[in-house]
Amino acid sequence: FEKPANLNLLELRVTEVAAEGLLEELNQEHIAKGLFHLVVVPGMRIEAANEATSDARKIAEELRNCSKVLLRVRRAEAGARNVQRVPRVRTDMTPTAGNGESRSVSPTGGPSRSITARH
């Protein structure tokens, strides 16, 4: 992720997905299953990491210090469509089929999803 230049940001921008990391492993599983809409790529936004949400500094700190993480990510263009920031409604769901993913619902209809990864 990119260190936030503006400390008032609500989210972090994904700048790179490491070729040898857990996120890339999850991406490859999704690609193999044809679930391309679940692949996380550079440019996407990290809205939350575990309980850290709506504060780029807190999200970055959580990512640096956690041993297990639940991420909520979205496509960048989903946020650009919204002129006014609308709070997201998060539903806690148990991951299905062991794929480590739970879904979130946005009142704006924008895509948002949560991914669990352990390192």
PDB file of N, CA and C in Angstrom:
ATOM      1  N   PHE A   1       0.838  -1.180   0.000  1.00  0.00           N
ATOM      2  CA  PHE A   1       0.000   0.000   0.000  1.00  0.00           C
ATOM      3  C   PHE A   1       0.872   1.228   0.000  1.00  0.00           C
ATOM      4  N   GLU A   2       0.273   2.322  -0.299  1.00  0.00           N
ATOM      5  CA  GLU A   2       0.986   3.591  -0.366  1.00  0.00           C
ATOM      6  C   GLU A   2       0.826   4.344   0.940  1.00  0.00           C
ATOM      7  N   LYS A   3       1.922   4.872   1.461  1.00  0.00           N
ATOM      8  CA  LYS A   3       1.849   5.686   2.674  1.00  0.00           C
ATOM      9  C   LYS A   3       0.993   6.909   2.364  1.00  0.00           C
ATOM     10  N   PRO A   4      -0.011   7.169   3.207  1.00  0.00           N
ATOM     11  CA  PRO A   4      -0.900   8.296   2.917  1.00  0.00           C
ATOM     12  C   PRO A   4      -0.188   9.639   3.035  1.00  0.00           C
ATOM     13  N   ALA A   5      -0.199  10.417   1.958  1.00  0.00           N
ATOM     14  CA  ALA A   5       0.378  11.758   1.977  1.00  0.00           C
ATOM     15  C   ALA A   5      -0.566  12.703   2.712  1.00  0.00           C
ATOM     16  N   ASN A   6      -1.849  12.488   2.525  1.00  0.00           N
ATOM     17  CA  ASN A   6      -2.877  13.277   3.184  1.00  0.00           C
ATOM     18  C   ASN A   6      -3.398  12.462   4.362  1.00  0.00           C
ATOM     19  N   LEU A   7      -3.131  12.901   5.558  1.00  0.00           N
ATOM     20  CA  LEU A   7      -3.510  12.139   6.742  1.00  0.00           C
ATOM     21  C   LEU A   7      -5.008  12.152   7.009  1.00  0.00           C
ATOM     22  N   ASN A   8      -5.754  12.908   6.232  1.00  0.00           N
ATOM     23  CA  ASN A   8      -7.206  12.942   6.392  1.00  0.00           C
ATOM     24  C   ASN A   8      -7.920  11.961   5.478  1.00  0.00           C
ATOM     25  N   LEU A   9      -7.166  11.167   4.717  1.00  0.00           N
ATOM     26  CA  LEU A   9      -7.788  10.197   3.820  1.00  0.00           C
ATOM     27  C   LEU A   9      -8.517   9.124   4.602  1.00  0.00           C
ATOM     28  N   LEU A  10      -9.567   8.578   3.998  1.00  0.00           N
ATOM     29  CA  LEU A  10     -10.360   7.537   4.632  1.00  0.00           C
ATOM     30  C   LEU A  10      -9.876   6.141   4.276  1.00  0.00           C
ATOM     31  N   GLU A  11      -8.973   6.026   3.305  1.00  0.00           N
ATOM     32  CA  GLU A  11      -8.574   4.721   2.790  1.00  0.00           C
ATOM     33  C   GLU A  11      -7.142   4.754   2.273  1.00  0.00           C
ATOM     34  N   LEU A  12      -6.598   3.575   1.988  1.00  0.00           N
ATOM     35  CA  LEU A  12      -5.266   3.447   1.398  1.00  0.00           C
ATOM     36  C   LEU A  12      -5.394   2.968  -0.034  1.00  0.00           C
ATOM     37  N   ARG A  13      -4.434   3.325  -0.867  1.00  0.00           N
ATOM     38  CA  ARG A  13      -4.413   2.868  -2.257  1.00  0.00           C
ATOM     39  C   ARG A  13      -3.438   1.708  -2.379  1.00  0.00           C
ATOM     40  N   VAL A  14      -3.886   0.626  -3.012  1.00  0.00           N
ATOM     41  CA  VAL A  14      -3.008  -0.513  -3.289  1.00  0.00           C
ATOM     42  C   VAL A  14      -2.084  -0.093  -4.427  1.00  0.00           C
ATOM     43  N   THR A  15      -0.779  -0.126  -4.182  1.00  0.00           N
ATOM     44  CA  THR A  15       0.177   0.263  -5.219  1.00  0.00           C
ATOM     45  C   THR A  15       0.812  -0.946  -5.891  1.00  0.00           C
ATOM     46  N   GLU A  16       0.815  -2.076  -5.190  1.00  0.00           N
ATOM     47  CA  GLU A  16       1.456  -3.273  -5.726  1.00  0.00           C
ATOM     48  C   GLU A  16       0.907  -4.499  -5.005  1.00  0.00           C
ATOM     49  N   VAL A  17       0.817  -5.614  -5.724  1.00  0.00           N
ATOM     50  CA  VAL A  17       0.498  -6.902  -5.119  1.00  0.00           C
ATOM     51  C   VAL A  17       1.750  -7.759  -5.291  1.00  0.00           C
ATOM     52  N   ALA A  18       2.406  -8.081  -4.177  1.00  0.00           N
ATOM     53  CA  ALA A  18       3.668  -8.822  -4.219  1.00  0.00           C
ATOM     54  C   ALA A  18       3.477 -10.181  -4.879  1.00  0.00           C
ATOM     55  N   ALA A  19       4.390 -10.543  -5.751  1.00  0.00           N
ATOM     56  CA  ALA A  19       4.309 -11.798  -6.498  1.00  0.00           C
ATOM     57  C   ALA A  19       4.363 -13.021  -5.594  1.00  0.00           C
ATOM     58  N   GLU A  20       4.965 -12.906  -4.432  1.00  0.00           N
ATOM     59  CA  GLU A  20       5.120 -14.049  -3.527  1.00  0.00           C
ATOM     60  C   GLU A  20       4.247 -13.938  -2.282  1.00  0.00           C
ATOM     61  N   GLY A  21       3.290 -13.025  -2.254  1.00  0.00           N
ATOM     62  CA  GLY A  21       2.500 -12.799  -1.050  1.00  0.00           C
ATOM     63  C   GLY A  21       1.198 -13.580  -1.001  1.00  0.00           C
ATOM     64  N   LEU A  22       0.546 -13.506   0.153  1.00  0.00           N
ATOM     65  CA  LEU A  22      -0.727 -14.188   0.361  1.00  0.00           C
ATOM     66  C   LEU A  22      -1.832 -13.621  -0.515  1.00  0.00           C
ATOM     67  N   LEU A  23      -1.818 -12.325  -0.746  1.00  0.00           N
ATOM     68  CA  LEU A  23      -2.848 -11.723  -1.588  1.00  0.00           C
ATOM     69  C   LEU A  23      -2.724 -12.231  -3.013  1.00  0.00           C
ATOM     70  N   GLU A  24      -1.511 -12.368  -3.519  1.00  0.00           N
ATOM     71  CA  GLU A  24      -1.318 -12.910  -4.864  1.00  0.00           C
ATOM     72  C   GLU A  24      -1.782 -14.364  -4.918  1.00  0.00           C
ATOM     73  N   GLU A  25      -1.534 -15.115  -3.866  1.00  0.00           N
ATOM     74  CA  GLU A  25      -1.996 -16.506  -3.798  1.00  0.00           C
ATOM     75  C   GLU A  25      -3.523 -16.562  -3.878  1.00  0.00           C
ATOM     76  N   LEU A  26      -4.185 -15.695  -3.128  1.00  0.00           N
ATOM     77  CA  LEU A  26      -5.648 -15.628  -3.172  1.00  0.00           C
ATOM     78  C   LEU A  26      -6.123 -15.172  -4.553  1.00  0.00           C
ATOM     79  N   ASN A  27      -5.426 -14.193  -5.141  1.00  0.00           N
ATOM     80  CA  ASN A  27      -5.763 -13.742  -6.494  1.00  0.00           C
ATOM     81  C   ASN A  27      -5.689 -14.908  -7.487  1.00  0.00           C
ATOM     82  N   GLN A  28      -4.640 -15.722  -7.399  1.00  0.00           N
ATOM     83  CA  GLN A  28      -4.474 -16.845  -8.317  1.00  0.00           C
ATOM     84  C   GLN A  28      -5.592 -17.882  -8.143  1.00  0.00           C
ATOM     85  N   GLU A  29      -6.021 -18.105  -6.901  1.00  0.00           N
ATOM     86  CA  GLU A  29      -7.149 -19.013  -6.656  1.00  0.00           C
ATOM     87  C   GLU A  29      -8.417 -18.485  -7.318  1.00  0.00           C
ATOM     88  N   HIS A  30      -8.656 -17.187  -7.187  1.00  0.00           N
ATOM     89  CA  HIS A  30      -9.832 -16.585  -7.805  1.00  0.00           C
ATOM     90  C   HIS A  30      -9.758 -16.658  -9.326  1.00  0.00           C
ATOM     91  N   ILE A  31      -8.597 -16.412  -9.887  1.00  0.00           N
ATOM     92  CA  ILE A  31      -8.418 -16.482 -11.335  1.00  0.00           C
ATOM     93  C   ILE A  31      -8.675 -17.898 -11.828  1.00  0.00           C
ATOM     94  N   ALA A  32      -8.144 -18.892 -11.120  1.00  0.00           N
ATOM     95  CA  ALA A  32      -8.334 -20.292 -11.511  1.00  0.00           C
ATOM     96  C   ALA A  32      -9.807 -20.684 -11.506  1.00  0.00           C
ATOM     97  N   LYS A  33     -10.588 -20.059 -10.645  1.00  0.00           N
ATOM     98  CA  LYS A  33     -12.020 -20.352 -10.552  1.00  0.00           C
ATOM     99  C   LYS A  33     -12.860 -19.449 -11.457  1.00  0.00           C
ATOM    100  N   GLY A  34     -12.193 -18.544 -12.191  1.00  0.00           N
ATOM    101  CA  GLY A  34     -12.918 -17.629 -13.067  1.00  0.00           C
ATOM    102  C   GLY A  34     -13.594 -16.494 -12.320  1.00  0.00           C
ATOM    103  N   LEU A  35     -13.160 -16.228 -11.105  1.00  0.00           N
ATOM    104  CA  LEU A  35     -13.746 -15.174 -10.274  1.00  0.00           C
ATOM    105  C   LEU A  35     -12.921 -13.890 -10.404  1.00  0.00           C
ATOM    106  N   PHE A  36     -12.822 -13.397 -11.612  1.00  0.00           N
ATOM    107  CA  PHE A  36     -11.956 -12.260 -11.898  1.00  0.00           C
ATOM    108  C   PHE A  36     -12.381 -10.994 -11.157  1.00  0.00           C
ATOM    109  N   HIS A  37     -13.663 -10.869 -10.849  1.00  0.00           N
ATOM    110  CA  HIS A  37     -14.154  -9.696 -10.134  1.00  0.00           C
ATOM    111  C   HIS A  37     -13.671  -9.655  -8.681  1.00  0.00           C
ATOM    112  N   LEU A  38     -13.091 -10.747  -8.193  1.00  0.00           N
ATOM    113  CA  LEU A  38     -12.587 -10.795  -6.827  1.00  0.00           C
ATOM    114  C   LEU A  38     -11.081 -10.560  -6.731  1.00  0.00           C
ATOM    115  N   VAL A  39     -10.422 -10.370  -7.859  1.00  0.00           N
ATOM    116  CA  VAL A  39      -8.974 -10.175  -7.891  1.00  0.00           C
ATOM    117  C   VAL A  39      -8.638  -8.741  -7.453  1.00  0.00           C
ATOM    118  N   VAL A  40      -7.696  -8.625  -6.519  1.00  0.00           N
ATOM    119  CA  VAL A  40      -7.241  -7.321  -6.037  1.00  0.00           C
ATOM    120  C   VAL A  40      -6.041  -6.899  -6.871  1.00  0.00           C
ATOM    121  N   VAL A  41      -6.102  -5.696  -7.428  1.00  0.00           N
ATOM    122  CA  VAL A  41      -5.042  -5.187  -8.300  1.00  0.00           C
ATOM    123  C   VAL A  41      -4.629  -3.784  -7.839  1.00  0.00           C
ATOM    124  N   PRO A  42      -3.433  -3.339  -8.263  1.00  0.00           N
ATOM    125  CA  PRO A  42      -3.008  -1.980  -7.929  1.00  0.00           C
ATOM    126  C   PRO A  42      -4.059  -0.958  -8.356  1.00  0.00           C
ATOM    127  N   GLY A  43      -4.205   0.056  -7.534  1.00  0.00           N
ATOM    128  CA  GLY A  43      -5.195   1.097  -7.795  1.00  0.00           C
ATOM    129  C   GLY A  43      -6.452   0.927  -6.962  1.00  0.00           C
ATOM    130  N   MET A  44      -6.702  -0.292  -6.488  1.00  0.00           N
ATOM    131  CA  MET A  44      -7.864  -0.517  -5.637  1.00  0.00           C
ATOM    132  C   MET A  44      -7.628   0.162  -4.290  1.00  0.00           C
ATOM    133  N   ARG A  45      -8.692   0.321  -3.534  1.00  0.00           N
ATOM    134  CA  ARG A  45      -8.610   1.012  -2.240  1.00  0.00           C
ATOM    135  C   ARG A  45      -8.864   0.049  -1.089  1.00  0.00           C
ATOM    136  N   ILE A  46      -8.071   0.197  -0.026  1.00  0.00           N
ATOM    137  CA  ILE A  46      -8.270  -0.548   1.213  1.00  0.00           C
ATOM    138  C   ILE A  46      -9.091   0.356   2.124  1.00  0.00           C
ATOM    139  N   GLU A  47     -10.340  -0.028   2.356  1.00  0.00           N
ATOM    140  CA  GLU A  47     -11.240   0.766   3.194  1.00  0.00           C
ATOM    141  C   GLU A  47     -11.113   0.422   4.668  1.00  0.00           C
ATOM    142  N   ALA A  48     -10.721  -0.818   4.965  1.00  0.00           N
ATOM    143  CA  ALA A  48     -10.615  -1.251   6.361  1.00  0.00           C
ATOM    144  C   ALA A  48      -9.645  -2.412   6.474  1.00  0.00           C
ATOM    145  N   ALA A  49      -8.990  -2.489   7.619  1.00  0.00           N
ATOM    146  CA  ALA A  49      -8.135  -3.616   7.978  1.00  0.00           C
ATOM    147  C   ALA A  49      -8.503  -3.976   9.409  1.00  0.00           C
ATOM    148  N   ASN A  50      -9.091  -5.156   9.580  1.00  0.00           N
ATOM    149  CA  ASN A  50      -9.624  -5.561  10.880  1.00  0.00           C
ATOM    150  C   ASN A  50     -10.598  -4.490  11.362  1.00  0.00           C
ATOM    151  N   GLU A  51     -10.407  -3.959  12.546  1.00  0.00           N
ATOM    152  CA  GLU A  51     -11.327  -2.949  13.092  1.00  0.00           C
ATOM    153  C   GLU A  51     -10.941  -1.521  12.699  1.00  0.00           C
ATOM    154  N   ALA A  52      -9.799  -1.346  12.052  1.00  0.00           N
ATOM    155  CA  ALA A  52      -9.366  -0.012  11.628  1.00  0.00           C
ATOM    156  C   ALA A  52     -10.096   0.357  10.345  1.00  0.00           C
ATOM    157  N   THR A  53     -10.867   1.426  10.388  1.00  0.00           N
ATOM    158  CA  THR A  53     -11.649   1.840   9.230  1.00  0.00           C
ATOM    159  C   THR A  53     -11.786   3.360   9.199  1.00  0.00           C
ATOM    160  N   SER A  54     -11.945   3.896   7.999  1.00  0.00           N
ATOM    161  CA  SER A  54     -12.192   5.328   7.788  1.00  0.00           C
ATOM    162  C   SER A  54     -11.068   6.232   8.283  1.00  0.00           C
ATOM    163  N   ASP A  55      -9.846   5.709   8.368  1.00  0.00           N
ATOM    164  CA  ASP A  55      -8.686   6.499   8.775  1.00  0.00           C
ATOM    165  C   ASP A  55      -7.446   5.830   8.195  1.00  0.00           C
ATOM    166  N   ALA A  56      -6.870   6.442   7.171  1.00  0.00           N
ATOM    167  CA  ALA A  56      -5.736   5.845   6.463  1.00  0.00           C
ATOM    168  C   ALA A  56      -4.573   5.541   7.402  1.00  0.00           C
ATOM    169  N   ARG A  57      -4.310   6.435   8.366  1.00  0.00           N
ATOM    170  CA  ARG A  57      -3.226   6.208   9.322  1.00  0.00           C
ATOM    171  C   ARG A  57      -3.457   4.949  10.149  1.00  0.00           C
ATOM    172  N   LYS A  58      -4.677   4.791  10.668  1.00  0.00           N
ATOM    173  CA  LYS A  58      -4.992   3.628  11.500  1.00  0.00           C
ATOM    174  C   LYS A  58      -4.962   2.341  10.679  1.00  0.00           C
ATOM    175  N   ILE A  59      -5.437   2.404   9.445  1.00  0.00           N
ATOM    176  CA  ILE A  59      -5.417   1.227   8.569  1.00  0.00           C
ATOM    177  C   ILE A  59      -3.979   0.811   8.301  1.00  0.00           C
ATOM    178  N   ALA A  60      -3.124   1.776   7.973  1.00  0.00           N
ATOM    179  CA  ALA A  60      -1.715   1.485   7.697  1.00  0.00           C
ATOM    180  C   ALA A  60      -1.037   0.887   8.929  1.00  0.00           C
ATOM    181  N   GLU A  61      -1.309   1.436  10.095  1.00  0.00           N
ATOM    182  CA  GLU A  61      -0.729   0.930  11.338  1.00  0.00           C
ATOM    183  C   GLU A  61      -1.180  -0.509  11.594  1.00  0.00           C
ATOM    184  N   GLU A  62      -2.453  -0.786  11.369  1.00  0.00           N
ATOM    185  CA  GLU A  62      -2.974  -2.144  11.560  1.00  0.00           C
ATOM    186  C   GLU A  62      -2.291  -3.124  10.605  1.00  0.00           C
ATOM    187  N   LEU A  63      -2.100  -2.721   9.365  1.00  0.00           N
ATOM    188  CA  LEU A  63      -1.451  -3.596   8.385  1.00  0.00           C
ATOM    189  C   LEU A  63       0.008  -3.878   8.757  1.00  0.00           C
ATOM    190  N   ARG A  64       0.671  -2.918   9.343  1.00  0.00           N
ATOM    191  CA  ARG A  64       2.063  -3.119   9.750  1.00  0.00           C
ATOM    192  C   ARG A  64       2.188  -4.044  10.951  1.00  0.00           C
ATOM    193  N   ASN A  65       1.192  -4.074  11.828  1.00  0.00           N
ATOM    194  CA  ASN A  65       1.329  -4.760  13.109  1.00  0.00           C
ATOM    195  C   ASN A  65       0.526  -6.045  13.280  1.00  0.00           C
ATOM    196  N   CYS A  66      -0.424  -6.322  12.423  1.00  0.00           N
ATOM    197  CA  CYS A  66      -1.296  -7.476  12.653  1.00  0.00           C
ATOM    198  C   CYS A  66      -0.657  -8.780  12.151  1.00  0.00           C
ATOM    199  N   SER A  67      -1.090  -9.883  12.754  1.00  0.00           N
ATOM    200  CA  SER A  67      -0.647 -11.200  12.291  1.00  0.00           C
ATOM    201  C   SER A  67      -1.735 -11.874  11.473  1.00  0.00           C
ATOM    202  N   LYS A  68      -2.957 -11.375  11.576  1.00  0.00           N
ATOM    203  CA  LYS A  68      -4.104 -11.862  10.808  1.00  0.00           C
ATOM    204  C   LYS A  68      -4.904 -10.625  10.411  1.00  0.00           C
ATOM    205  N   VAL A  69      -5.399 -10.603   9.179  1.00  0.00           N
ATOM    206  CA  VAL A  69      -6.096  -9.394   8.743  1.00  0.00           C
ATOM    207  C   VAL A  69      -7.348  -9.732   7.941  1.00  0.00           C
ATOM    208  N   LEU A  70      -8.393  -8.953   8.200  1.00  0.00           N
ATOM    209  CA  LEU A  70      -9.602  -8.961   7.393  1.00  0.00           C
ATOM    210  C   LEU A  70      -9.609  -7.624   6.670  1.00  0.00           C
ATOM    211  N   LEU A  71      -9.454  -7.653   5.349  1.00  0.00           N
ATOM    212  CA  LEU A  71      -9.416  -6.431   4.547  1.00  0.00           C
ATOM    213  C   LEU A  71     -10.760  -6.184   3.889  1.00  0.00           C
ATOM    214  N   ARG A  72     -11.118  -4.912   3.775  1.00  0.00           N
ATOM    215  CA  ARG A  72     -12.259  -4.531   2.948  1.00  0.00           C
ATOM    216  C   ARG A  72     -11.688  -3.659   1.845  1.00  0.00           C
ATOM    217  N   VAL A  73     -11.822  -4.118   0.605  1.00  0.00           N
ATOM    218  CA  VAL A  73     -11.255  -3.409  -0.542  1.00  0.00           C
ATOM    219  C   VAL A  73     -12.356  -3.080  -1.533  1.00  0.00           C
ATOM    220  N   ARG A  74     -12.090  -2.088  -2.379  1.00  0.00           N
ATOM    221  CA  ARG A  74     -13.028  -1.729  -3.443  1.00  0.00           C
ATOM    222  C   ARG A  74     -12.259  -1.204  -4.648  1.00  0.00           C
ATOM    223  N   ARG A  75     -12.923  -1.222  -5.785  1.00  0.00           N
ATOM    224  CA  ARG A  75     -12.340  -0.630  -6.982  1.00  0.00           C
ATOM    225  C   ARG A  75     -12.300   0.885  -6.813  1.00  0.00           C
ATOM    226  N   ALA A  76     -11.288   1.512  -7.350  1.00  0.00           N
ATOM    227  CA  ALA A  76     -11.133   2.961  -7.223  1.00  0.00           C
ATOM    228  C   ALA A  76     -12.281   3.699  -7.891  1.00  0.00           C
ATOM    229  N   GLU A  77     -12.718   3.218  -9.042  1.00  0.00           N
ATOM    230  CA  GLU A  77     -13.771   3.922  -9.770  1.00  0.00           C
ATOM    231  C   GLU A  77     -15.106   3.890  -9.042  1.00  0.00           C
ATOM    232  N   ALA A  78     -15.296   2.946  -8.143  1.00  0.00           N
ATOM    233  CA  ALA A  78     -16.537   2.898  -7.371  1.00  0.00           C
ATOM    234  C   ALA A  78     -16.649   4.126  -6.479  1.00  0.00           C
ATOM    235  N   GLY A  79     -15.537   4.557  -5.901  1.00  0.00           N
ATOM    236  CA  GLY A  79     -15.543   5.749  -5.067  1.00  0.00           C
ATOM    237  C   GLY A  79     -15.641   7.019  -5.884  1.00  0.00           C
ATOM    238  N   ALA A  80     -15.048   7.011  -7.068  1.00  0.00           N
ATOM    239  CA  ALA A  80     -15.079   8.196  -7.920  1.00  0.00           C
ATOM    240  C   ALA A  80     -16.493   8.507  -8.390  1.00  0.00           C
ATOM    241  N   ARG A  81     -17.352   7.494  -8.469  1.00  0.00           N
ATOM    242  CA  ARG A  81     -18.739   7.713  -8.893  1.00  0.00           C
ATOM    243  C   ARG A  81     -19.532   8.468  -7.852  1.00  0.00           C
ATOM    244  N   ASN A  82     -19.123   8.367  -6.618  1.00  0.00           N
ATOM    245  CA  ASN A  82     -19.863   8.989  -5.527  1.00  0.00           C
ATOM    246  C   ASN A  82     -19.353  10.392  -5.282  1.00  0.00           C
ATOM    247  N   VAL A  83     -20.181  11.371  -5.539  1.00  0.00           N
ATOM    248  CA  VAL A  83     -19.788  12.754  -5.312  1.00  0.00           C
ATOM    249  C   VAL A  83     -19.700  13.017  -3.818  1.00  0.00           C
ATOM    250  N   GLN A  84     -20.618  12.462  -3.072  1.00  0.00           N
ATOM    251  CA  GLN A  84     -20.648  12.643  -1.623  1.00  0.00           C
ATOM    252  C   GLN A  84     -20.313  11.323  -0.954  1.00  0.00           C
ATOM    253  N   ARG A  85     -19.484  11.342   0.059  1.00  0.00           N
ATOM    254  CA  ARG A  85     -19.099  10.125   0.778  1.00  0.00           C
ATOM    255  C   ARG A  85     -20.294   9.618   1.578  1.00  0.00           C
ATOM    256  N   VAL A  86     -20.707   8.399   1.282  1.00  0.00           N
ATOM    257  CA  VAL A  86     -21.824   7.774   1.979  1.00  0.00           C
ATOM    258  C   VAL A  86     -21.256   6.639   2.809  1.00  0.00           C
ATOM    259  N   PRO A  87     -21.608   6.543   4.097  1.00  0.00           N
ATOM    260  CA  PRO A  87     -21.075   5.459   4.916  1.00  0.00           C
ATOM    261  C   PRO A  87     -21.479   4.092   4.372  1.00  0.00           C
ATOM    262  N   ARG A  88     -20.567   3.158   4.447  1.00  0.00           N
ATOM    263  CA  ARG A  88     -20.838   1.801   3.982  1.00  0.00           C
ATOM    264  C   ARG A  88     -21.473   0.998   5.103  1.00  0.00           C
ATOM    265  N   VAL A  89     -22.356   0.096   4.710  1.00  0.00           N
ATOM    266  CA  VAL A  89     -22.971  -0.809   5.667  1.00  0.00           C
ATOM    267  C   VAL A  89     -22.262  -2.136   5.529  1.00  0.00           C
ATOM    268  N   ARG A  90     -21.714  -2.637   6.624  1.00  0.00           N
ATOM    269  CA  ARG A  90     -20.941  -3.867   6.579  1.00  0.00           C
ATOM    270  C   ARG A  90     -21.738  -4.986   7.198  1.00  0.00           C
ATOM    271  N   THR A  91     -21.814  -6.091   6.490  1.00  0.00           N
ATOM    272  CA  THR A  91     -22.465  -7.260   7.047  1.00  0.00           C
ATOM    273  C   THR A  91     -21.391  -8.278   7.349  1.00  0.00           C
ATOM    274  N   ASP A  92     -21.417  -8.818   8.543  1.00  0.00           N
ATOM    275  CA  ASP A  92     -20.463  -9.851   8.917  1.00  0.00           C
ATOM    276  C   ASP A  92     -21.010 -11.184   8.467  1.00  0.00           C
ATOM    277  N   MET A  93     -20.253 -11.871   7.645  1.00  0.00           N
ATOM    278  CA  MET A  93     -20.672 -13.158   7.128  1.00  0.00           C
ATOM    279  C   MET A  93     -19.543 -14.148   7.311  1.00  0.00           C
ATOM    280  N   THR A  94     -19.874 -15.378   7.535  1.00  0.00           N
ATOM    281  CA  THR A  94     -18.883 -16.431   7.633  1.00  0.00           C
ATOM    282  C   THR A  94     -18.392 -16.758   6.236  1.00  0.00           C
ATOM    283  N   PRO A  95     -17.063 -16.892   6.040  1.00  0.00           N
ATOM    284  CA  PRO A  95     -16.559 -17.252   4.715  1.00  0.00           C
ATOM    285  C   PRO A  95     -17.210 -18.549   4.231  1.00  0.00           C
ATOM    286  N   THR A  96     -17.523 -18.584   2.946  1.00  0.00           N
ATOM    287  CA  THR A  96     -18.152 -19.763   2.367  1.00  0.00           C
ATOM    288  C   THR A  96     -17.143 -20.568   1.583  1.00  0.00           C
ATOM    289  N   ALA A  97     -17.325 -21.860   1.542  1.00  0.00           N
ATOM    290  CA  ALA A  97     -16.504 -22.791   0.757  1.00  0.00           C
ATOM    291  C   ALA A  97     -15.019 -22.671   1.079  1.00  0.00           C
ATOM    292  N   GLY A  98     -14.695 -22.134   2.248  1.00  0.00           N
ATOM    293  CA  GLY A  98     -13.301 -22.055   2.659  1.00  0.00           C
ATOM    294  C   GLY A  98     -12.449 -21.126   1.819  1.00  0.00           C
ATOM    295  N   ASN A  99     -13.073 -20.204   1.070  1.00  0.00           N
ATOM    296  CA  ASN A  99     -12.273 -19.337   0.215  1.00  0.00           C
ATOM    297  C   ASN A  99     -11.765 -18.099   0.939  1.00  0.00           C
ATOM    298  N   GLY A 100     -12.082 -17.951   2.231  1.00  0.00           N
ATOM    299  CA  GLY A 100     -11.540 -16.850   3.007  1.00  0.00           C
ATOM    300  C   GLY A 100     -12.138 -15.505   2.696  1.00  0.00           C
ATOM    301  N   GLU A 101     -13.302 -15.472   2.094  1.00  0.00           N
ATOM    302  CA  GLU A 101     -13.868 -14.194   1.704  1.00  0.00           C
ATOM    303  C   GLU A 101     -15.247 -14.004   2.292  1.00  0.00           C
ATOM    304  N   SER A 102     -15.518 -12.795   2.737  1.00  0.00           N
ATOM    305  CA  SER A 102     -16.866 -12.431   3.125  1.00  0.00           C
ATOM    306  C   SER A 102     -17.221 -11.175   2.353  1.00  0.00           C
ATOM    307  N   ARG A 103     -18.473 -10.919   2.174  1.00  0.00           N
ATOM    308  CA  ARG A 103     -18.901  -9.782   1.366  1.00  0.00           C
ATOM    309  C   ARG A 103     -19.439  -8.658   2.232  1.00  0.00           C
ATOM    310  N   SER A 104     -19.314  -7.443   1.737  1.00  0.00           N
ATOM    311  CA  SER A 104     -19.905  -6.272   2.368  1.00  0.00           C
ATOM    312  C   SER A 104     -20.917  -5.694   1.407  1.00  0.00           C
ATOM    313  N   VAL A 105     -21.871  -4.966   1.935  1.00  0.00           N
ATOM    314  CA  VAL A 105     -22.901  -4.355   1.109  1.00  0.00           C
ATOM    315  C   VAL A 105     -22.791  -2.857   1.258  1.00  0.00           C
ATOM    316  N   SER A 106     -22.837  -2.153   0.161  1.00  0.00           N
ATOM    317  CA  SER A 106     -22.741  -0.707   0.177  1.00  0.00           C
ATOM    318  C   SER A 106     -24.098  -0.100  -0.127  1.00  0.00           C
ATOM    319  N   PRO A 107     -24.524   0.923   0.607  1.00  0.00           N
ATOM    320  CA  PRO A 107     -25.796   1.552   0.314  1.00  0.00           C
ATOM    321  C   PRO A 107     -25.793   2.256  -1.038  1.00  0.00           C
ATOM    322  N   THR A 108     -24.610   2.545  -1.577  1.00  0.00           N
ATOM    323  CA  THR A 108     -24.522   3.200  -2.876  1.00  0.00           C
ATOM    324  C   THR A 108     -24.494   2.191  -4.008  1.00  0.00           C
ATOM    325  N   GLY A 109     -24.456   0.921  -3.673  1.00  0.00           N
ATOM    326  CA  GLY A 109     -24.382  -0.105  -4.706  1.00  0.00           C
ATOM    327  C   GLY A 109     -22.975  -0.343  -5.171  1.00  0.00           C
ATOM    328  N   GLY A 110     -22.008   0.392  -4.644  1.00  0.00           N
ATOM    329  CA  GLY A 110     -20.618   0.223  -5.051  1.00  0.00           C
ATOM    330  C   GLY A 110     -20.052  -1.082  -4.520  1.00  0.00           C
ATOM    331  N   PRO A 111     -19.200  -1.719  -5.291  1.00  0.00           N
ATOM    332  CA  PRO A 111     -18.655  -2.993  -4.860  1.00  0.00           C
ATOM    333  C   PRO A 111     -17.683  -2.821  -3.699  1.00  0.00           C
ATOM    334  N   SER A 112     -17.807  -3.685  -2.742  1.00  0.00           N
ATOM    335  CA  SER A 112     -16.902  -3.714  -1.610  1.00  0.00           C
ATOM    336  C   SER A 112     -16.851  -5.143  -1.139  1.00  0.00           C
ATOM    337  N   ARG A 113     -15.676  -5.626  -0.765  1.00  0.00           N
ATOM    338  CA  ARG A 113     -15.587  -7.001  -0.270  1.00  0.00           C
ATOM    339  C   ARG A 113     -14.507  -7.094   0.778  1.00  0.00           C
ATOM    340  N   SER A 114     -14.627  -8.097   1.594  1.00  0.00           N
ATOM    341  CA  SER A 114     -13.653  -8.307   2.652  1.00  0.00           C
ATOM    342  C   SER A 114     -12.930  -9.610   2.404  1.00  0.00           C
ATOM    343  N   ILE A 115     -11.643  -9.622   2.693  1.00  0.00           N
ATOM    344  CA  ILE A 115     -10.809 -10.784   2.472  1.00  0.00           C
ATOM    345  C   ILE A 115     -10.032 -11.062   3.759  1.00  0.00           C
ATOM    346  N   THR A 116     -10.010 -12.289   4.168  1.00  0.00           N
ATOM    347  CA  THR A 116      -9.241 -12.679   5.342  1.00  0.00           C
ATOM    348  C   THR A 116      -7.941 -13.309   4.897  1.00  0.00           C
ATOM    349  N   ALA A 117      -6.849 -12.851   5.463  1.00  0.00           N
ATOM    350  CA  ALA A 117      -5.531 -13.439   5.147  1.00  0.00           C
ATOM    351  C   ALA A 117      -4.753 -13.579   6.440  1.00  0.00           C
ATOM    352  N   ARG A 118      -3.996 -14.615   6.534  1.00  0.00           N
ATOM    353  CA  ARG A 118      -3.119 -14.829   7.690  1.00  0.00           C
ATOM    354  C   ARG A 118      -1.684 -14.842   7.204  1.00  0.00           C
ATOM    355  N   HIS A 119      -0.790 -14.241   7.990  1.00  0.00           N
ATOM    356  CA  HIS A 119       0.645 -14.325   7.671  1.00  0.00           C
ATOM    357  C   HIS A 119       1.447 -14.606   8.899  1.00  0.00           C
TER     358      HIS A 119
END
